[in-house]
Amino acid sequence: VRCVQETEILHDIFEEFSSALHKFKKILIASVNGYAFGGGFELALACDFIVASESSKFGLPEVTLGIFPGLGGTQKFIKAAGKGNAIRYIVTGDPISATEAKAMNLVSVIIKDENQLKDETLNLSLIHI
């Protein structure tokens, strides 16, 4: 029971945070280096712009456990990538490479040198997107 209560509390916090991101008046940039699975992917989708290292992976693997993404990630995924692209990954939970994510318009910029990701993301934040 305690685990269920903690999960519900975390879900509520995450949902409030995601809602606040949606209402934010400035452009939000997600910088992804590594894995953005589940809630991490949903948070990235809540941003306006995703910058990713070449080795990054995205996805909703919780569906392989019979858990449906609960923070609007499926709707945001379909809106960003199109139904034809998104459905396969929503149903299978397969990971999406940074290259595939860019081809689906999920990722705006891929940074080849992950050591430069932070600097490149900060540089992009200084220009008008």
N, C-alpha and C. Protein backbone atom coordinates (compact mmCIF):
# COMPACT_ATOMS: atom_id res chain seq x y z
N VAL A 1 0.82 -1.19 0.00
CA VAL A 1 0.00 0.00 0.00
C VAL A 1 0.87 1.25 0.00
N ARG A 2 1.94 1.23 0.79
CA ARG A 2 2.81 2.41 0.85
C ARG A 2 3.40 2.72 -0.52
N CYS A 3 3.81 1.69 -1.24
CA CYS A 3 4.39 1.90 -2.57
C CYS A 3 3.37 2.52 -3.51
N VAL A 4 2.12 2.08 -3.42
CA VAL A 4 1.06 2.63 -4.27
C VAL A 4 0.84 4.10 -3.93
N GLN A 5 0.81 4.42 -2.64
CA GLN A 5 0.61 5.81 -2.22
C GLN A 5 1.76 6.69 -2.68
N GLU A 6 3.00 6.20 -2.54
CA GLU A 6 4.15 6.97 -2.99
C GLU A 6 4.12 7.18 -4.49
N THR A 7 3.70 6.16 -5.23
CA THR A 7 3.60 6.27 -6.67
C THR A 7 2.56 7.31 -7.05
N GLU A 8 1.42 7.31 -6.36
CA GLU A 8 0.38 8.29 -6.64
C GLU A 8 0.86 9.71 -6.34
N ILE A 9 1.59 9.88 -5.25
CA ILE A 9 2.13 11.19 -4.89
C ILE A 9 3.12 11.65 -5.95
N LEU A 10 4.03 10.77 -6.36
CA LEU A 10 5.00 11.12 -7.40
C LEU A 10 4.31 11.46 -8.72
N HIS A 11 3.28 10.70 -9.05
CA HIS A 11 2.52 10.97 -10.28
C HIS A 11 1.90 12.36 -10.22
N ASP A 12 1.30 12.70 -9.08
CA ASP A 12 0.67 14.01 -8.93
C ASP A 12 1.69 15.14 -9.07
N ILE A 13 2.85 14.96 -8.45
CA ILE A 13 3.91 15.97 -8.54
C ILE A 13 4.37 16.12 -9.98
N PHE A 14 4.60 14.99 -10.63
CA PHE A 14 5.07 14.99 -12.02
C PHE A 14 4.03 15.63 -12.93
N GLU A 15 2.75 15.33 -12.69
CA GLU A 15 1.68 15.90 -13.51
C GLU A 15 1.60 17.42 -13.33
N GLU A 16 1.75 17.89 -12.09
CA GLU A 16 1.73 19.34 -11.83
C GLU A 16 2.91 20.02 -12.52
N PHE A 17 4.07 19.37 -12.46
CA PHE A 17 5.26 19.93 -13.10
C PHE A 17 5.07 19.99 -14.61
N SER A 18 4.55 18.92 -15.18
CA SER A 18 4.31 18.88 -16.63
C SER A 18 3.30 19.95 -17.04
N SER A 19 2.27 20.12 -16.23
CA SER A 19 1.27 21.15 -16.51
C SER A 19 1.89 22.55 -16.45
N ALA A 20 2.77 22.77 -15.47
CA ALA A 20 3.44 24.06 -15.34
C ALA A 20 4.32 24.32 -16.57
N LEU A 21 5.00 23.28 -17.06
CA LEU A 21 5.83 23.44 -18.26
C LEU A 21 4.97 23.85 -19.44
N HIS A 22 3.79 23.24 -19.55
CA HIS A 22 2.89 23.54 -20.67
C HIS A 22 2.43 25.00 -20.65
N LYS A 23 2.28 25.55 -19.46
CA LYS A 23 1.80 26.92 -19.31
C LYS A 23 2.92 27.96 -19.36
N PHE A 24 4.17 27.50 -19.35
CA PHE A 24 5.31 28.40 -19.32
C PHE A 24 5.32 29.29 -20.56
N LYS A 25 5.60 30.56 -20.39
CA LYS A 25 5.50 31.54 -21.48
C LYS A 25 6.75 31.61 -22.36
N LYS A 26 7.86 31.10 -21.88
CA LYS A 26 9.10 31.16 -22.66
C LYS A 26 9.37 29.82 -23.32
N ILE A 27 10.22 29.83 -24.31
CA ILE A 27 10.58 28.60 -25.01
C ILE A 27 11.38 27.71 -24.06
N LEU A 28 11.00 26.44 -24.00
CA LEU A 28 11.67 25.46 -23.15
C LEU A 28 12.50 24.52 -24.02
N ILE A 29 13.75 24.34 -23.63
CA ILE A 29 14.65 23.46 -24.37
C ILE A 29 15.02 22.28 -23.50
N ALA A 30 14.77 21.08 -24.00
CA ALA A 30 15.21 19.86 -23.32
C ALA A 30 16.56 19.48 -23.89
N SER A 31 17.49 19.17 -23.01
CA SER A 31 18.81 18.70 -23.42
C SER A 31 18.93 17.26 -22.95
N VAL A 32 19.04 16.33 -23.91
CA VAL A 32 19.02 14.90 -23.59
C VAL A 32 20.35 14.26 -23.95
N ASN A 33 20.95 13.63 -22.96
CA ASN A 33 22.19 12.89 -23.17
C ASN A 33 22.01 11.53 -22.51
N GLY A 34 21.78 10.51 -23.31
CA GLY A 34 21.54 9.18 -22.75
C GLY A 34 20.09 8.78 -22.98
N TYR A 35 19.49 8.21 -21.95
CA TYR A 35 18.15 7.67 -22.08
C TYR A 35 17.09 8.64 -21.58
N ALA A 36 16.06 8.85 -22.39
CA ALA A 36 14.87 9.59 -21.99
C ALA A 36 13.70 8.64 -22.20
N PHE A 37 13.50 7.79 -21.23
CA PHE A 37 12.44 6.78 -21.30
C PHE A 37 11.34 7.14 -20.31
N GLY A 38 10.13 6.71 -20.63
CA GLY A 38 9.01 6.91 -19.72
C GLY A 38 8.78 8.38 -19.43
N GLY A 39 8.79 8.72 -18.15
CA GLY A 39 8.54 10.09 -17.73
C GLY A 39 9.56 11.07 -18.27
N GLY A 40 10.80 10.63 -18.45
CA GLY A 40 11.82 11.51 -19.03
C GLY A 40 11.49 11.89 -20.47
N PHE A 41 10.98 10.94 -21.22
CA PHE A 41 10.55 11.22 -22.59
C PHE A 41 9.34 12.15 -22.58
N GLU A 42 8.41 11.89 -21.67
CA GLU A 42 7.22 12.74 -21.59
C GLU A 42 7.60 14.17 -21.20
N LEU A 43 8.57 14.33 -20.31
CA LEU A 43 9.04 15.67 -19.96
C LEU A 43 9.68 16.36 -21.16
N ALA A 44 10.50 15.62 -21.89
CA ALA A 44 11.13 16.20 -23.08
C ALA A 44 10.07 16.62 -24.10
N LEU A 45 9.04 15.80 -24.26
CA LEU A 45 7.95 16.14 -25.19
C LEU A 45 7.17 17.37 -24.75
N ALA A 46 7.20 17.67 -23.46
CA ALA A 46 6.51 18.85 -22.95
C ALA A 46 7.27 20.13 -23.29
N CYS A 47 8.52 19.99 -23.72
CA CYS A 47 9.34 21.15 -24.10
C CYS A 47 9.10 21.51 -25.56
N ASP A 48 9.53 22.71 -25.92
CA ASP A 48 9.33 23.20 -27.28
C ASP A 48 10.41 22.72 -28.25
N PHE A 49 11.55 22.34 -27.71
CA PHE A 49 12.74 22.11 -28.52
C PHE A 49 13.55 21.05 -27.81
N ILE A 50 13.97 20.01 -28.52
CA ILE A 50 14.81 18.96 -27.92
C ILE A 50 16.16 18.94 -28.62
N VAL A 51 17.21 19.08 -27.82
CA VAL A 51 18.58 18.95 -28.29
C VAL A 51 19.09 17.65 -27.69
N ALA A 52 19.67 16.78 -28.51
CA ALA A 52 20.08 15.47 -28.02
C ALA A 52 21.48 15.11 -28.49
N SER A 53 22.17 14.35 -27.66
CA SER A 53 23.45 13.79 -28.09
C SER A 53 23.14 12.67 -29.08
N GLU A 54 24.10 12.35 -29.90
CA GLU A 54 23.92 11.33 -30.93
C GLU A 54 23.58 9.96 -30.33
N SER A 55 24.04 9.71 -29.11
CA SER A 55 23.81 8.40 -28.47
C SER A 55 22.50 8.34 -27.69
N SER A 56 21.73 9.40 -27.67
CA SER A 56 20.48 9.42 -26.90
C SER A 56 19.45 8.46 -27.46
N LYS A 57 18.61 7.99 -26.56
CA LYS A 57 17.51 7.11 -26.93
C LYS A 57 16.26 7.60 -26.22
N PHE A 58 15.12 7.43 -26.88
CA PHE A 58 13.84 7.89 -26.38
C PHE A 58 12.84 6.74 -26.42
N GLY A 59 11.81 6.83 -25.60
CA GLY A 59 10.77 5.81 -25.70
C GLY A 59 9.86 5.73 -24.50
N LEU A 60 8.87 4.89 -24.64
CA LEU A 60 7.87 4.64 -23.61
C LEU A 60 7.85 3.15 -23.27
N PRO A 61 8.92 2.63 -22.66
CA PRO A 61 9.03 1.19 -22.42
C PRO A 61 8.03 0.64 -21.41
N GLU A 62 7.37 1.52 -20.66
CA GLU A 62 6.40 1.05 -19.67
C GLU A 62 5.26 0.27 -20.30
N VAL A 63 5.00 0.51 -21.59
CA VAL A 63 3.92 -0.22 -22.26
C VAL A 63 4.23 -1.71 -22.33
N THR A 64 5.50 -2.09 -22.29
CA THR A 64 5.85 -3.52 -22.32
C THR A 64 5.50 -4.21 -21.01
N LEU A 65 5.22 -3.41 -19.97
CA LEU A 65 4.80 -3.94 -18.67
C LEU A 65 3.29 -3.82 -18.47
N GLY A 66 2.61 -3.37 -19.51
CA GLY A 66 1.17 -3.19 -19.42
C GLY A 66 0.77 -1.89 -18.74
N ILE A 67 1.72 -0.96 -18.63
CA ILE A 67 1.45 0.33 -18.00
C ILE A 67 1.34 1.37 -19.10
N PHE A 68 0.24 2.09 -19.11
CA PHE A 68 0.03 3.12 -20.13
C PHE A 68 0.65 4.43 -19.67
N PRO A 69 1.39 5.13 -20.53
CA PRO A 69 1.96 6.42 -20.16
C PRO A 69 0.86 7.37 -19.70
N GLY A 70 1.05 7.98 -18.54
CA GLY A 70 -0.05 8.70 -17.93
C GLY A 70 0.03 10.21 -17.92
N LEU A 71 1.00 10.79 -18.58
CA LEU A 71 1.15 12.25 -18.50
C LEU A 71 0.97 12.94 -19.85
N GLY A 72 0.20 12.33 -20.71
CA GLY A 72 -0.06 12.94 -22.01
C GLY A 72 1.02 12.68 -23.04
N GLY A 73 1.96 11.82 -22.71
CA GLY A 73 3.07 11.54 -23.63
C GLY A 73 2.63 10.97 -24.96
N THR A 74 1.60 10.13 -24.93
CA THR A 74 1.17 9.52 -26.19
C THR A 74 0.56 10.58 -27.11
N GLN A 75 -0.23 11.48 -26.54
CA GLN A 75 -0.84 12.53 -27.35
C GLN A 75 0.22 13.50 -27.88
N LYS A 76 1.17 13.86 -27.02
CA LYS A 76 2.24 14.77 -27.44
C LYS A 76 3.12 14.12 -28.50
N PHE A 77 3.37 12.82 -28.35
CA PHE A 77 4.17 12.07 -29.30
C PHE A 77 3.48 12.07 -30.66
N ILE A 78 2.19 11.75 -30.70
CA ILE A 78 1.44 11.73 -31.96
C ILE A 78 1.42 13.12 -32.59
N LYS A 79 1.21 14.14 -31.77
CA LYS A 79 1.15 15.51 -32.29
C LYS A 79 2.49 15.92 -32.90
N ALA A 80 3.59 15.53 -32.26
CA ALA A 80 4.92 15.93 -32.74
C ALA A 80 5.40 15.10 -33.93
N ALA A 81 5.15 13.79 -33.89
CA ALA A 81 5.74 12.89 -34.88
C ALA A 81 4.75 12.40 -35.93
N GLY A 82 3.46 12.62 -35.69
CA GLY A 82 2.45 12.08 -36.59
C GLY A 82 2.03 10.69 -36.16
N LYS A 83 0.78 10.38 -36.40
CA LYS A 83 0.21 9.11 -35.97
C LYS A 83 0.97 7.91 -36.52
N GLY A 84 1.29 7.94 -37.80
CA GLY A 84 1.97 6.81 -38.43
C GLY A 84 3.32 6.51 -37.81
N ASN A 85 4.05 7.54 -37.42
CA ASN A 85 5.36 7.33 -36.79
C ASN A 85 5.21 6.91 -35.33
N ALA A 86 4.31 7.54 -34.62
CA ALA A 86 4.22 7.35 -33.17
C ALA A 86 3.60 6.02 -32.76
N ILE A 87 2.59 5.57 -33.46
CA ILE A 87 1.84 4.38 -33.02
C ILE A 87 2.75 3.17 -32.83
N ARG A 88 3.65 2.95 -33.74
CA ARG A 88 4.54 1.78 -33.63
C ARG A 88 5.27 1.77 -32.29
N TYR A 89 5.80 2.93 -31.91
CA TYR A 89 6.59 3.02 -30.68
C TYR A 89 5.71 3.03 -29.43
N ILE A 90 4.51 3.59 -29.55
CA ILE A 90 3.58 3.59 -28.42
C ILE A 90 3.11 2.17 -28.12
N VAL A 91 2.88 1.38 -29.16
CA VAL A 91 2.38 0.02 -28.99
C VAL A 91 3.49 -0.95 -28.56
N THR A 92 4.68 -0.80 -29.13
CA THR A 92 5.75 -1.77 -28.86
C THR A 92 6.66 -1.38 -27.71
N GLY A 93 6.78 -0.08 -27.43
CA GLY A 93 7.73 0.35 -26.41
C GLY A 93 9.17 0.31 -26.90
N ASP A 94 9.37 0.09 -28.19
CA ASP A 94 10.72 0.04 -28.74
C ASP A 94 11.45 1.37 -28.53
N PRO A 95 12.76 1.32 -28.30
CA PRO A 95 13.51 2.57 -28.17
C PRO A 95 13.67 3.27 -29.51
N ILE A 96 13.83 4.58 -29.45
CA ILE A 96 13.98 5.41 -30.64
C ILE A 96 15.35 6.07 -30.57
N SER A 97 16.16 5.88 -31.58
CA SER A 97 17.48 6.51 -31.60
C SER A 97 17.32 8.02 -31.82
N ALA A 98 18.36 8.76 -31.51
CA ALA A 98 18.33 10.21 -31.74
C ALA A 98 18.10 10.51 -33.23
N THR A 99 18.72 9.72 -34.10
CA THR A 99 18.57 9.92 -35.54
C THR A 99 17.13 9.69 -35.97
N GLU A 100 16.52 8.60 -35.47
CA GLU A 100 15.11 8.35 -35.79
C GLU A 100 14.22 9.45 -35.23
N ALA A 101 14.52 9.90 -34.01
CA ALA A 101 13.72 10.95 -33.38
C ALA A 101 13.81 12.24 -34.18
N LYS A 102 14.98 12.54 -34.73
CA LYS A 102 15.12 13.75 -35.55
C LYS A 102 14.33 13.60 -36.85
N ALA A 103 14.37 12.41 -37.45
CA ALA A 103 13.62 12.17 -38.69
C ALA A 103 12.12 12.31 -38.47
N MET A 104 11.66 12.06 -37.22
CA MET A 104 10.23 12.17 -36.89
C MET A 104 9.89 13.55 -36.33
N ASN A 105 10.84 14.47 -36.37
CA ASN A 105 10.64 15.83 -35.85
C ASN A 105 10.45 15.91 -34.34
N LEU A 106 10.91 14.89 -33.61
CA LEU A 106 10.89 14.95 -32.15
C LEU A 106 12.09 15.72 -31.64
N VAL A 107 13.23 15.46 -32.24
CA VAL A 107 14.48 16.13 -31.87
C VAL A 107 14.77 17.20 -32.90
N SER A 108 15.14 18.38 -32.42
CA SER A 108 15.45 19.49 -33.33
C SER A 108 16.90 19.49 -33.76
N VAL A 109 17.80 19.18 -32.82
CA VAL A 109 19.24 19.23 -33.11
C VAL A 109 19.91 18.03 -32.46
N ILE A 110 20.81 17.39 -33.21
CA ILE A 110 21.65 16.33 -32.67
C ILE A 110 23.07 16.86 -32.56
N ILE A 111 23.65 16.70 -31.40
CA ILE A 111 25.04 17.11 -31.16
C ILE A 111 25.90 15.86 -31.18
N LYS A 112 26.84 15.81 -32.10
CA LYS A 112 27.67 14.61 -32.25
C LYS A 112 28.59 14.37 -31.05
N ASP A 113 29.18 15.43 -30.52
CA ASP A 113 30.09 15.30 -29.38
C ASP A 113 29.32 15.57 -28.10
N GLU A 114 29.01 14.49 -27.37
CA GLU A 114 28.18 14.66 -26.18
C GLU A 114 28.84 15.54 -25.12
N ASN A 115 30.16 15.71 -25.19
CA ASN A 115 30.83 16.62 -24.26
C ASN A 115 30.50 18.08 -24.56
N GLN A 116 30.00 18.34 -25.76
CA GLN A 116 29.62 19.70 -26.16
C GLN A 116 28.12 19.97 -26.02
N LEU A 117 27.38 18.97 -25.56
CA LEU A 117 25.92 19.10 -25.51
C LEU A 117 25.47 20.28 -24.65
N LYS A 118 26.01 20.40 -23.47
CA LYS A 118 25.60 21.49 -22.58
C LYS A 118 25.91 22.84 -23.20
N ASP A 119 27.13 23.02 -23.71
CA ASP A 119 27.50 24.30 -24.31
C ASP A 119 26.67 24.62 -25.54
N GLU A 120 26.43 23.62 -26.38
CA GLU A 120 25.64 23.84 -27.59
C GLU A 120 24.18 24.18 -27.25
N THR A 121 23.65 23.52 -26.22
CA THR A 121 22.28 23.82 -25.80
C THR A 121 22.19 25.24 -25.26
N LEU A 122 23.18 25.64 -24.46
CA LEU A 122 23.19 27.01 -23.94
C LEU A 122 23.33 28.02 -25.06
N ASN A 123 24.18 27.72 -26.05
CA ASN A 123 24.32 28.62 -27.21
C ASN A 123 22.99 28.77 -27.95
N LEU A 124 22.28 27.65 -28.13
CA LEU A 124 20.99 27.72 -28.82
C LEU A 124 19.97 28.53 -28.02
N SER A 125 20.09 28.47 -26.71
CA SER A 125 19.12 29.21 -25.87
C SER A 125 19.33 30.71 -25.96
N LEU A 126 20.50 31.13 -26.43
CA LEU A 126 20.79 32.56 -26.51
C LEU A 126 20.32 33.19 -27.81
N ILE A 127 20.00 32.35 -28.79
CA ILE A 127 19.51 32.89 -30.06
C ILE A 127 18.00 32.82 -30.07
N HIS A 128 17.39 33.54 -30.95
CA HIS A 128 15.93 33.49 -31.06
C HIS A 128 15.56 32.32 -31.95
N ILE A 129 14.87 31.37 -31.35
CA ILE A 129 14.49 30.15 -32.07
C ILE A 129 13.20 30.41 -32.82
